Amino acid sequence: MNTVLAEPWDDAAETTVDQAAVMARREHYRAAVPYGAVVLTAGVDVQKDRLELELVGWGRGEESRSIEYRVLPGDPSGALVWQELDTYLERRWPHETGISLPVAACSIDSGYESQAVYEFCRTRYHRRIFAVKGKGGPLPVWQRKLTAKNICGEKPWIVGTDTAKETIYGRLKNPTPGTPGYSHFPAEREEAYFEQLLGEVLVTTYAKGQPKREWRPKPGVRQEALDARVYAYAALRALVSMGLSLDNEADRILAANRPRPVPEEDRDRERWLGERGRKWLTR
């Protein structure tokens, strides 16, 4: 294609993820936050008439558990939708051990209605709520360049979106629960979410013998869920850059707290969600 026809060659196979296989991971959580998750982060994508966010729980080896995906309708240039987001981020979430966890950090896309995002983040840096802006290319997911403007929410933190997407897609190929990077999803998560999560593909284009890698949207597919996951992951990497250790958090939380006994009705449901139940969920 390249040397004979002088046309670019696209190779998207390296990032192809089987949507049915990812949807088959859906499982029943015994609590809002399952046992293995010890740190919660949120990622917020800003659209002209709504905010879309994902809350993600992280455990050892960055094994992730999607806790909730939420759409907050409202004009981001106004105050009401930001008040709703603030209330959401102040919530504490019941953990399977019986304790509750706060949202430890949140990244909010500032590519649209930038001033409104900056205003929201300006007084919430102490809660680790960051205004961010995605940037392509071979960049780290979180660049630790601390300035007064970053802290005051007047300048966005740069997120290496290409690197984040490669990491997320690579982990969606990991088939083994309990291993580093494995991604869990709740039983009630709808198919439309997974379509958006897998709404882009990494394409390698060769022009004059030089490779160029870029993420391209799938035709007719939205990508808000993927963007929200990118920002939730960026929030985790921000915490790590500030000294967070997921292993230490797991030791602190899980060693001191045991899972609560499972109610009889939940045990019955888990028995039903055997092989036959899982097949039913993924039909």
Foldseek 3Di string as FASTA:
>chain_A
DCPPPVFKDKDQVVLDFDLLLLLLQADAALFLAELFFQAKEKEWEDDQFWIWMWIWGAFPLRAIETRDIDIQGGGLVDDPSLVVVVVVQQDWTQYLLGDTHGHQAYEYECPPVNVSQLVSQQPCVVSHYFYEHEDEDPDAQWDPDDDPCRSRSNDGTYGHLVVLLVLLSVQSPDNDPPDRSNYHYHLPDDSLLSCQLPQWTWIWIAHPNDTDIDIDGDPPHHNRSNNGSSRRVSSVVVVVVVPDDSNVSSCVPPVVTPGDDRDPVVVVVVVVCDPVVSVVSSD
